C-alpha cells in the first residue's frame, strides 16, 4: 500500500511538472511568433511603404531659412491651388550649401515619422533674400520656438554687419 501511495504521489508530481512545462513552453511560442511577425513586417511591409515614397513630388521654391545641424531648410513654395506654403525639409546633399533667397528644385518625400526629406536638390538660381524678410519675421514670431528665432536674428545681425549697414559701422567701410 505504501508503494501505491508513493507511485501515486510520483504520478501527481509528474503531472504537475508537465503542467508547469506546458506554460513555460507557451511563452517561447509567443516570443517566436512575435519575432517572426516583426521580421515579416521589416522584410515585406516596410519595403512596400518605401516604394510608395519613391514617387516624390517635384517642387520649386525659395529658401527662407537654413539650419546647419541637421541639414535642413524652410522653403516657401506654391501648391497646385496657388496658395503659398512653408515647409521644413531635411536634405543630405553635403556638397550643396544653401543660402536664404536661393531658388531650388527638389523631389519631396515624407518619412515614416512625418518629416519631409528633399532629394535630387538643384539650385536653380541664387537670389537676394530681400522682399520677404518682414513677412518671415512676423510668421517666425508666431510659429517658431525661441531657439529658432534667436538663431535667425543673430544671422540677420551678422549679415547687416557684413553689408556695413546699421549703427556702429561694419566691415567694408
N, C-alpha and C. Protein backbone atom coordinates (compact mmCIF):
# COMPACT_ATOMS: atom_id res chain seq x y z
N UNK A 1 0.82 -1.18 0.00
CA UNK A 1 0.00 0.00 0.00
C UNK A 1 0.87 1.25 0.00
N UNK A 2 1.96 1.17 0.67
CA UNK A 2 2.88 2.30 0.70
C UNK A 2 3.47 2.56 -0.69
N UNK A 3 3.78 1.47 -1.40
CA UNK A 3 4.29 1.65 -2.76
C UNK A 3 3.28 2.35 -3.66
N UNK A 4 2.04 1.96 -3.54
CA UNK A 4 0.98 2.55 -4.35
C UNK A 4 0.87 4.05 -4.05
N UNK A 5 0.98 4.43 -2.79
CA UNK A 5 0.91 5.83 -2.39
C UNK A 5 2.09 6.63 -2.96
N UNK A 6 3.28 6.05 -2.93
CA UNK A 6 4.46 6.73 -3.47
C UNK A 6 4.33 6.89 -4.97
N UNK A 7 3.84 5.84 -5.62
CA UNK A 7 3.66 5.91 -7.06
C UNK A 7 2.63 6.97 -7.41
N UNK A 8 1.57 7.00 -6.61
CA UNK A 8 0.52 7.97 -6.89
C UNK A 8 1.08 9.40 -6.71
N UNK A 9 1.85 9.63 -5.64
CA UNK A 9 2.46 10.95 -5.45
C UNK A 9 3.41 11.27 -6.59
N UNK A 10 4.13 10.24 -7.01
CA UNK A 10 5.06 10.43 -8.11
C UNK A 10 4.31 10.81 -9.38
N UNK A 11 3.19 10.14 -9.63
CA UNK A 11 2.38 10.47 -10.81
C UNK A 11 1.84 11.88 -10.72
N UNK A 12 1.36 12.25 -9.53
CA UNK A 12 0.85 13.61 -9.35
C UNK A 12 1.96 14.63 -9.57
N UNK A 13 3.14 14.31 -9.07
CA UNK A 13 4.28 15.21 -9.27
C UNK A 13 4.63 15.35 -10.73
N UNK A 14 4.59 14.24 -11.48
CA UNK A 14 4.88 14.30 -12.91
C UNK A 14 3.85 15.15 -13.64
N UNK A 15 2.59 14.96 -13.25
CA UNK A 15 1.54 15.75 -13.90
C UNK A 15 1.74 17.23 -13.61
N UNK A 16 2.07 17.53 -12.37
CA UNK A 16 2.31 18.93 -12.01
C UNK A 16 3.50 19.49 -12.78
N UNK A 17 4.54 18.68 -12.88
CA UNK A 17 5.70 19.14 -13.65
C UNK A 17 5.34 19.35 -15.11
N UNK A 18 4.55 18.46 -15.65
CA UNK A 18 4.15 18.59 -17.05
C UNK A 18 3.31 19.84 -17.26
N UNK A 19 2.42 20.15 -16.32
CA UNK A 19 1.60 21.36 -16.46
C UNK A 19 2.48 22.61 -16.45
N UNK A 20 3.44 22.62 -15.51
CA UNK A 20 4.34 23.77 -15.48
C UNK A 20 5.15 23.86 -16.76
N UNK A 21 5.57 22.76 -17.27
CA UNK A 21 6.34 22.73 -18.51
C UNK A 21 5.54 23.28 -19.67
N UNK A 22 4.24 22.97 -19.70
CA UNK A 22 3.41 23.47 -20.80
C UNK A 22 3.31 24.99 -20.76
N UNK A 23 3.12 25.55 -19.59
CA UNK A 23 3.03 27.01 -19.52
C UNK A 23 4.36 27.64 -19.88
N UNK A 24 5.45 26.99 -19.49
CA UNK A 24 6.75 27.52 -19.87
C UNK A 24 6.98 27.40 -21.37
N UNK A 25 6.46 26.37 -21.97
CA UNK A 25 6.64 26.18 -23.40
C UNK A 25 5.77 27.13 -24.21
N UNK A 26 4.68 27.64 -23.63
CA UNK A 26 3.83 28.57 -24.37
C UNK A 26 4.51 29.92 -24.56
N UNK A 27 5.26 30.39 -23.58
CA UNK A 27 5.88 31.71 -23.70
C UNK A 27 6.93 31.77 -24.81
N UNK A 28 7.76 30.75 -25.02
CA UNK A 28 8.66 30.82 -26.18
C UNK A 28 7.90 30.82 -27.50
N UNK A 29 6.76 30.16 -27.54
CA UNK A 29 5.96 30.18 -28.78
C UNK A 29 5.46 31.59 -29.05
N UNK A 30 5.05 32.29 -28.00
CA UNK A 30 4.56 33.66 -28.18
C UNK A 30 5.70 34.56 -28.64
N UNK A 31 6.85 34.41 -28.03
CA UNK A 31 8.02 35.22 -28.40
C UNK A 31 8.43 34.92 -29.83
N UNK A 32 8.44 33.63 -30.18
CA UNK A 32 8.80 33.24 -31.54
C UNK A 32 7.82 33.83 -32.55
N UNK A 33 6.53 33.78 -32.22
CA UNK A 33 5.51 34.35 -33.11
C UNK A 33 5.72 35.86 -33.26
N UNK A 34 6.03 36.54 -32.16
CA UNK A 34 6.27 37.98 -32.20
C UNK A 34 7.49 38.31 -33.06
N UNK A 35 8.56 37.57 -32.88
CA UNK A 35 9.78 37.82 -33.65
C UNK A 35 9.54 37.57 -35.13
N UNK A 36 8.84 36.49 -35.45
CA UNK A 36 8.54 36.21 -36.86
C UNK A 36 7.67 37.29 -37.48
N UNK A 37 6.66 37.76 -36.74
CA UNK A 37 5.81 38.82 -37.28
C UNK A 37 6.60 40.10 -37.48
N UNK A 38 7.53 40.39 -36.57
CA UNK A 38 8.38 41.57 -36.73
C UNK A 38 9.28 41.44 -37.95
N UNK A 39 9.86 40.27 -38.16
CA UNK A 39 10.69 40.04 -39.34
C UNK A 39 9.89 40.18 -40.63
N UNK A 40 8.67 39.65 -40.62
CA UNK A 40 7.82 39.76 -41.80
C UNK A 40 7.52 41.23 -42.08
N UNK A 41 7.23 41.99 -41.03
CA UNK A 41 6.94 43.41 -41.21
C UNK A 41 8.15 44.14 -41.79
N UNK A 42 9.33 43.86 -41.24
CA UNK A 42 10.53 44.58 -41.69
C UNK A 42 10.95 44.19 -43.09
N UNK A 43 10.73 42.93 -43.47
CA UNK A 43 11.21 42.49 -44.78
C UNK A 43 10.19 42.66 -45.90
N UNK A 44 8.91 42.61 -45.57
CA UNK A 44 7.90 42.65 -46.64
C UNK A 44 7.14 43.98 -46.65
N UNK A 45 6.61 44.38 -45.50
CA UNK A 45 5.72 45.54 -45.48
C UNK A 45 6.49 46.85 -45.59
N UNK A 46 7.62 46.98 -44.89
CA UNK A 46 8.38 48.23 -44.94
C UNK A 46 8.87 48.59 -46.34
N UNK A 47 9.42 47.63 -47.11
CA UNK A 47 9.81 48.00 -48.47
C UNK A 47 8.62 48.42 -49.34
N UNK A 48 7.43 47.87 -49.07
CA UNK A 48 6.26 48.29 -49.83
C UNK A 48 5.93 49.75 -49.53
N UNK A 49 6.04 50.14 -48.26
CA UNK A 49 5.81 51.54 -47.92
C UNK A 49 6.87 52.42 -48.57
N UNK A 50 8.10 51.96 -48.58
CA UNK A 50 9.19 52.74 -49.18
C UNK A 50 8.97 52.91 -50.68
N UNK A 51 8.38 51.88 -51.33
CA UNK A 51 8.10 52.01 -52.76
C UNK A 51 7.09 53.13 -53.00
N UNK A 52 6.12 53.27 -52.12
CA UNK A 52 5.16 54.35 -52.25
C UNK A 52 5.82 55.71 -52.09
N UNK A 53 6.89 55.78 -51.30
CA UNK A 53 7.57 57.04 -51.09
C UNK A 53 8.49 57.41 -52.26
N UNK A 54 8.84 56.45 -53.09
CA UNK A 54 9.75 56.73 -54.21
C UNK A 54 9.13 57.71 -55.20
N UNK A 55 7.80 57.75 -55.27
CA UNK A 55 7.16 58.65 -56.21
C UNK A 55 7.08 60.04 -55.57
N UNK A 56 8.18 60.77 -55.59
CA UNK A 56 8.24 62.08 -54.95
C UNK A 56 7.66 63.16 -55.85
N UNK A 57 7.11 64.17 -55.21
CA UNK A 57 6.54 65.30 -55.93
C UNK A 57 7.66 66.30 -56.19
N UNK A 58 7.74 66.81 -57.42
CA UNK A 58 8.74 67.82 -57.74
C UNK A 58 8.22 69.19 -57.32
N UNK A 59 9.04 69.90 -56.56
CA UNK A 59 8.64 71.20 -56.03
C UNK A 59 9.75 72.20 -56.33
N UNK A 60 9.33 73.41 -56.67
CA UNK A 60 10.27 74.51 -56.84
C UNK A 60 9.89 75.58 -55.84
N UNK A 61 10.87 76.04 -55.07
CA UNK A 61 10.57 77.01 -54.03
C UNK A 61 11.77 77.88 -53.69
N UNK A 62 11.54 78.79 -52.76
CA UNK A 62 12.57 79.73 -52.33
C UNK A 62 12.96 79.44 -50.89
N UNK A 63 14.26 79.38 -50.63
CA UNK A 63 14.76 79.10 -49.29
C UNK A 63 14.58 80.35 -48.43
N UNK A 64 13.89 80.18 -47.30
CA UNK A 64 13.71 81.29 -46.38
C UNK A 64 14.74 81.27 -45.26
N UNK A 65 15.03 80.07 -44.75
CA UNK A 65 15.96 79.92 -43.64
C UNK A 65 16.69 78.62 -43.77
N UNK A 66 17.92 78.55 -43.28
CA UNK A 66 18.66 77.29 -43.27
C UNK A 66 19.13 76.99 -41.86
N UNK A 67 19.26 75.70 -41.56
CA UNK A 67 19.74 75.23 -40.27
C UNK A 67 20.90 74.27 -40.53
N UNK A 68 22.02 74.45 -39.83
CA UNK A 68 23.20 73.62 -40.12
C UNK A 68 23.10 72.18 -39.63
N UNK A 69 22.51 71.95 -38.48
CA UNK A 69 22.54 70.60 -37.92
C UNK A 69 21.20 70.26 -37.29
N UNK A 70 20.44 69.31 -37.77
CA UNK A 70 20.66 68.56 -39.00
C UNK A 70 20.42 69.47 -40.21
N UNK A 71 21.02 69.13 -41.34
CA UNK A 71 20.93 69.98 -42.51
C UNK A 71 19.48 70.08 -42.94
N UNK A 72 18.91 71.26 -42.76
CA UNK A 72 17.51 71.46 -43.10
C UNK A 72 17.30 72.90 -43.51
N UNK A 73 16.13 73.16 -44.09
CA UNK A 73 15.81 74.50 -44.55
C UNK A 73 14.29 74.67 -44.53
N UNK A 74 13.87 75.92 -44.40
CA UNK A 74 12.46 76.25 -44.54
C UNK A 74 12.30 76.81 -45.94
N UNK A 75 11.37 76.24 -46.70
CA UNK A 75 11.19 76.59 -48.11
C UNK A 75 9.78 77.12 -48.31
N UNK A 76 9.67 78.22 -49.06
CA UNK A 76 8.39 78.79 -49.44
C UNK A 76 8.09 78.31 -50.85
N UNK A 77 6.91 77.72 -51.06
CA UNK A 77 6.53 77.26 -52.39
C UNK A 77 5.03 77.44 -52.58
N UNK A 78 4.57 77.28 -53.81
CA UNK A 78 3.15 77.41 -54.12
C UNK A 78 2.61 76.04 -54.51
N UNK A 79 1.46 75.68 -53.94
CA UNK A 79 0.85 74.39 -54.27
C UNK A 79 0.03 74.52 -55.55
N UNK A 80 -0.69 73.44 -55.91
CA UNK A 80 -1.44 73.44 -57.17
C UNK A 80 -2.60 74.43 -57.16
N UNK A 81 -3.05 74.89 -55.98
CA UNK A 81 -4.12 75.89 -55.89
C UNK A 81 -3.56 77.30 -55.76
N UNK A 82 -2.29 77.47 -56.05
CA UNK A 82 -1.58 78.76 -55.97
C UNK A 82 -1.64 79.38 -54.58
N UNK A 83 -1.61 78.55 -53.57
CA UNK A 83 -1.51 79.03 -52.19
C UNK A 83 -0.06 78.89 -51.75
N UNK A 84 0.45 79.92 -51.11
CA UNK A 84 1.84 79.84 -50.65
C UNK A 84 1.89 79.00 -49.38
N UNK A 85 2.89 78.14 -49.32
CA UNK A 85 3.07 77.27 -48.16
C UNK A 85 4.53 77.28 -47.77
N UNK A 86 4.75 77.10 -46.47
CA UNK A 86 6.11 76.95 -45.96
C UNK A 86 6.27 75.54 -45.44
N UNK A 87 7.42 74.95 -45.70
CA UNK A 87 7.66 73.59 -45.25
C UNK A 87 9.12 73.47 -44.81
N UNK A 88 9.34 72.71 -43.76
CA UNK A 88 10.71 72.46 -43.31
C UNK A 88 11.16 71.14 -43.91
N UNK A 89 12.24 71.17 -44.67
CA UNK A 89 12.74 69.97 -45.33
C UNK A 89 14.12 69.61 -44.79
N UNK A 90 14.42 68.34 -44.81
CA UNK A 90 15.75 67.84 -44.46
C UNK A 90 16.41 67.36 -45.74
N UNK A 91 17.70 67.60 -45.89
CA UNK A 91 18.41 67.13 -47.07
C UNK A 91 19.78 66.65 -46.64
N UNK A 92 20.34 65.75 -47.43
CA UNK A 92 21.64 65.18 -47.06
C UNK A 92 22.67 65.34 -48.17
N UNK A 93 22.46 66.29 -49.08
CA UNK A 93 23.48 66.59 -50.08
C UNK A 93 24.54 67.45 -49.42
N UNK A 94 25.66 66.85 -49.06
CA UNK A 94 26.68 67.56 -48.31
C UNK A 94 27.45 68.56 -49.17
N UNK A 95 27.46 68.36 -50.47
CA UNK A 95 28.24 69.25 -51.32
C UNK A 95 27.52 70.57 -51.59
N UNK A 96 26.21 70.64 -51.33
CA UNK A 96 25.46 71.86 -51.60
C UNK A 96 25.41 72.74 -50.36
N UNK A 97 25.57 74.03 -50.59
CA UNK A 97 25.43 75.00 -49.50
C UNK A 97 24.27 75.91 -49.87
N UNK A 98 23.20 75.85 -49.10
CA UNK A 98 22.04 76.69 -49.37
C UNK A 98 22.12 77.98 -48.57
N UNK A 99 21.64 79.06 -49.19
CA UNK A 99 21.57 80.35 -48.54
C UNK A 99 20.15 80.86 -48.64
N UNK A 100 19.72 81.71 -47.70
CA UNK A 100 18.38 82.30 -47.82
C UNK A 100 18.27 83.09 -49.11
N UNK A 101 17.18 82.88 -49.83
CA UNK A 101 16.95 83.55 -51.10
C UNK A 101 17.20 82.66 -52.30
N UNK A 102 17.84 81.51 -52.13
CA UNK A 102 18.10 80.60 -53.24
C UNK A 102 16.79 80.01 -53.76
N UNK A 103 16.68 79.92 -55.07
CA UNK A 103 15.55 79.22 -55.68
C UNK A 103 16.01 77.80 -55.97
N UNK A 104 15.31 76.83 -55.40
CA UNK A 104 15.74 75.43 -55.52
C UNK A 104 14.60 74.59 -56.09
N UNK A 105 15.00 73.46 -56.66
CA UNK A 105 14.06 72.48 -57.18
C UNK A 105 14.44 71.14 -56.56
N UNK A 106 13.45 70.38 -56.09
CA UNK A 106 13.75 69.12 -55.41
C UNK A 106 12.54 68.20 -55.48
N UNK A 107 12.80 66.94 -55.15
CA UNK A 107 11.72 65.95 -55.02
C UNK A 107 11.44 65.77 -53.53
N UNK A 108 10.17 65.82 -53.17
CA UNK A 108 9.77 65.78 -51.77
C UNK A 108 9.29 64.38 -51.40
N UNK A 109 9.82 63.85 -50.30
CA UNK A 109 9.41 62.55 -49.76
C UNK A 109 9.02 62.75 -48.32
N UNK A 110 8.00 62.02 -47.89
CA UNK A 110 7.59 62.07 -46.49
C UNK A 110 8.15 60.84 -45.79
N UNK A 111 8.85 61.05 -44.67
CA UNK A 111 9.44 59.94 -43.93
C UNK A 111 8.40 59.32 -43.02
N UNK A 112 8.79 58.22 -42.37
CA UNK A 112 7.85 57.49 -41.52
C UNK A 112 7.43 58.29 -40.30
N UNK A 113 8.29 59.18 -39.83
CA UNK A 113 7.94 59.95 -38.64
C UNK A 113 7.31 61.29 -38.98
N UNK A 114 6.88 61.47 -40.23
CA UNK A 114 6.13 62.66 -40.60
C UNK A 114 6.98 63.84 -41.06
N UNK A 115 8.29 63.69 -41.13
CA UNK A 115 9.13 64.77 -41.59
C UNK A 115 9.29 64.68 -43.10
N UNK A 116 9.74 65.78 -43.70
CA UNK A 116 9.89 65.83 -45.15
C UNK A 116 11.37 65.79 -45.53
N UNK A 117 11.67 64.97 -46.52
CA UNK A 117 13.03 64.78 -46.98
C UNK A 117 13.12 65.24 -48.43
N UNK A 118 14.14 66.03 -48.76
CA UNK A 118 14.33 66.52 -50.12
C UNK A 118 15.46 65.75 -50.78
N UNK A 119 15.18 65.27 -51.97
CA UNK A 119 16.21 64.57 -52.75
C UNK A 119 16.32 65.22 -54.12
N UNK A 120 17.38 64.91 -54.83
CA UNK A 120 17.65 65.49 -56.15
C UNK A 120 17.57 67.02 -56.09
N UNK A 121 18.26 67.59 -55.14
CA UNK A 121 18.22 69.03 -54.89
C UNK A 121 19.06 69.76 -55.93
N UNK A 122 18.46 70.73 -56.61
CA UNK A 122 19.15 71.53 -57.62
C UNK A 122 18.94 73.01 -57.27
N UNK A 123 20.03 73.77 -57.27
CA UNK A 123 19.91 75.22 -57.06
C UNK A 123 19.73 75.85 -58.44
N UNK A 124 18.53 76.39 -58.69
CA UNK A 124 18.26 76.99 -59.99
C UNK A 124 18.94 78.34 -60.12
N UNK A 125 18.79 79.19 -59.10
CA UNK A 125 19.48 80.48 -59.12
C UNK A 125 19.63 81.01 -57.70
N UNK A 126 20.67 81.79 -57.53
CA UNK A 126 20.90 82.42 -56.23
C UNK A 126 20.35 83.84 -56.30
N UNK A 127 19.41 84.13 -55.40
CA UNK A 127 18.80 85.45 -55.37
C UNK A 127 19.00 86.07 -54.01
N UNK A 128 18.67 87.35 -53.94
CA UNK A 128 18.77 88.06 -52.66
C UNK A 128 17.57 87.70 -51.80
N UNK A 129 17.77 87.86 -50.51
CA UNK A 129 16.75 87.47 -49.54
C UNK A 129 15.72 88.57 -49.31
N UNK A 130 15.92 89.76 -49.88
CA UNK A 130 15.04 90.90 -49.58
C UNK A 130 13.65 90.66 -50.15
N UNK A 131 12.69 91.38 -49.60
CA UNK A 131 11.32 91.28 -50.10
C UNK A 131 10.43 90.39 -49.24
N UNK A 132 11.03 89.40 -48.61
CA UNK A 132 10.21 88.51 -47.79
C UNK A 132 10.65 88.56 -46.33
N UNK A 133 11.62 89.41 -46.02
CA UNK A 133 12.19 89.40 -44.67
C UNK A 133 11.15 89.78 -43.61
N UNK A 134 10.38 90.86 -43.84
CA UNK A 134 9.44 91.32 -42.81
C UNK A 134 8.31 90.31 -42.62
N UNK A 135 7.78 89.79 -43.72
CA UNK A 135 6.71 88.78 -43.60
C UNK A 135 7.21 87.57 -42.85
N UNK A 136 8.44 87.16 -43.15
CA UNK A 136 9.01 85.99 -42.50
C UNK A 136 9.20 86.24 -41.01
N UNK A 137 9.66 87.44 -40.64
CA UNK A 137 9.85 87.74 -39.22
C UNK A 137 8.54 87.66 -38.46
N UNK A 138 7.45 88.16 -39.06
CA UNK A 138 6.15 88.09 -38.39
C UNK A 138 5.72 86.64 -38.20
N UNK A 139 5.86 85.84 -39.25
CA UNK A 139 5.42 84.45 -39.14
C UNK A 139 6.32 83.66 -38.19
N UNK A 140 7.60 83.99 -38.14
CA UNK A 140 8.51 83.29 -37.23
C UNK A 140 8.13 83.60 -35.79
N UNK A 141 7.79 84.86 -35.51
CA UNK A 141 7.39 85.22 -34.16
C UNK A 141 6.17 84.42 -33.72
N UNK A 142 5.26 84.17 -34.65
CA UNK A 142 4.03 83.46 -34.30
C UNK A 142 4.25 81.96 -34.19
N UNK A 143 5.02 81.37 -35.10
CA UNK A 143 5.04 79.91 -35.21
C UNK A 143 6.25 79.23 -34.61
N UNK A 144 7.42 79.84 -34.69
CA UNK A 144 8.64 79.12 -34.37
C UNK A 144 9.07 79.35 -32.93
N UNK A 145 9.66 78.34 -32.29
CA UNK A 145 10.13 78.49 -30.91
C UNK A 145 11.28 79.49 -30.80
N UNK A 146 11.58 79.85 -29.58
CA UNK A 146 12.55 80.92 -29.32
C UNK A 146 13.94 80.59 -29.85
N UNK A 147 14.36 79.32 -29.77
CA UNK A 147 15.72 78.98 -30.21
C UNK A 147 15.90 79.26 -31.70
N UNK A 148 14.87 78.98 -32.52
CA UNK A 148 14.97 79.27 -33.95
C UNK A 148 15.00 80.78 -34.18
N UNK A 149 14.19 81.52 -33.43
CA UNK A 149 14.15 82.96 -33.60
C UNK A 149 15.48 83.59 -33.25
N UNK A 150 16.11 83.13 -32.16
CA UNK A 150 17.41 83.69 -31.77
C UNK A 150 18.44 83.46 -32.86
N UNK A 151 18.43 82.25 -33.42
CA UNK A 151 19.39 81.94 -34.49
C UNK A 151 19.14 82.84 -35.70
N UNK A 152 17.87 83.07 -36.04
CA UNK A 152 17.52 83.90 -37.19
C UNK A 152 17.99 85.34 -36.98
N UNK A 153 17.74 85.90 -35.80
CA UNK A 153 18.12 87.29 -35.54
C UNK A 153 19.63 87.45 -35.49
N UNK A 154 20.34 86.47 -34.95
CA UNK A 154 21.81 86.54 -34.94
C UNK A 154 22.34 86.54 -36.37
N UNK A 155 21.75 85.72 -37.23
CA UNK A 155 22.17 85.67 -38.63
C UNK A 155 21.89 87.00 -39.31
N UNK A 156 20.73 87.60 -39.01
CA UNK A 156 20.38 88.89 -39.58
C UNK A 156 21.40 89.96 -39.17
N UNK A 157 21.76 89.98 -37.89
CA UNK A 157 22.72 90.97 -37.42
C UNK A 157 24.08 90.79 -38.08
N UNK A 158 24.49 89.54 -38.23
CA UNK A 158 25.77 89.25 -38.89
C UNK A 158 25.76 89.76 -40.33
N UNK A 159 24.63 89.52 -41.04
CA UNK A 159 24.54 89.95 -42.44
C UNK A 159 24.56 91.47 -42.54
N UNK A 160 23.87 92.16 -41.62
CA UNK A 160 23.87 93.62 -41.66
C UNK A 160 25.26 94.17 -41.38
N UNK A 161 25.98 93.53 -40.46
CA UNK A 161 27.33 93.98 -40.13
C UNK A 161 28.25 93.80 -41.34
N UNK A 162 28.09 92.67 -42.04
CA UNK A 162 28.92 92.42 -43.22
C UNK A 162 28.60 93.39 -44.34
N UNK A 163 27.33 93.80 -44.47
CA UNK A 163 26.94 94.75 -45.51
C UNK A 163 27.37 96.17 -45.16
N UNK A 164 27.61 96.42 -43.87
CA UNK A 164 28.04 97.76 -43.46
C UNK A 164 26.88 98.66 -43.09
N UNK A 165 25.71 98.12 -42.88
CA UNK A 165 24.56 98.95 -42.52
C UNK A 165 24.37 99.04 -41.03
N UNK A 166 23.46 99.89 -40.61
CA UNK A 166 23.12 100.00 -39.20
C UNK A 166 24.07 100.90 -38.44
N UNK A 167 23.80 101.09 -37.17
CA UNK A 167 24.65 101.92 -36.33
C UNK A 167 25.89 101.13 -35.95
N UNK A 168 26.98 101.77 -35.88
CA UNK A 168 28.20 101.09 -35.47
C UNK A 168 29.06 100.64 -36.62
N UNK A 169 28.73 101.11 -37.83
CA UNK A 169 29.61 100.80 -38.96
C UNK A 169 29.47 99.39 -39.45
N UNK A 170 30.56 98.71 -39.54
CA UNK A 170 30.57 97.36 -40.06
C UNK A 170 31.84 97.14 -40.83
N UNK A 171 31.93 96.01 -41.46
CA UNK A 171 33.11 95.70 -42.25
C UNK A 171 32.96 96.37 -43.61
N UNK A 172 34.02 96.68 -44.25
CA UNK A 172 33.96 97.17 -45.62
C UNK A 172 33.81 98.68 -45.74
N UNK A 173 33.85 99.42 -44.64
CA UNK A 173 33.79 100.88 -44.74
C UNK A 173 35.16 101.47 -44.72
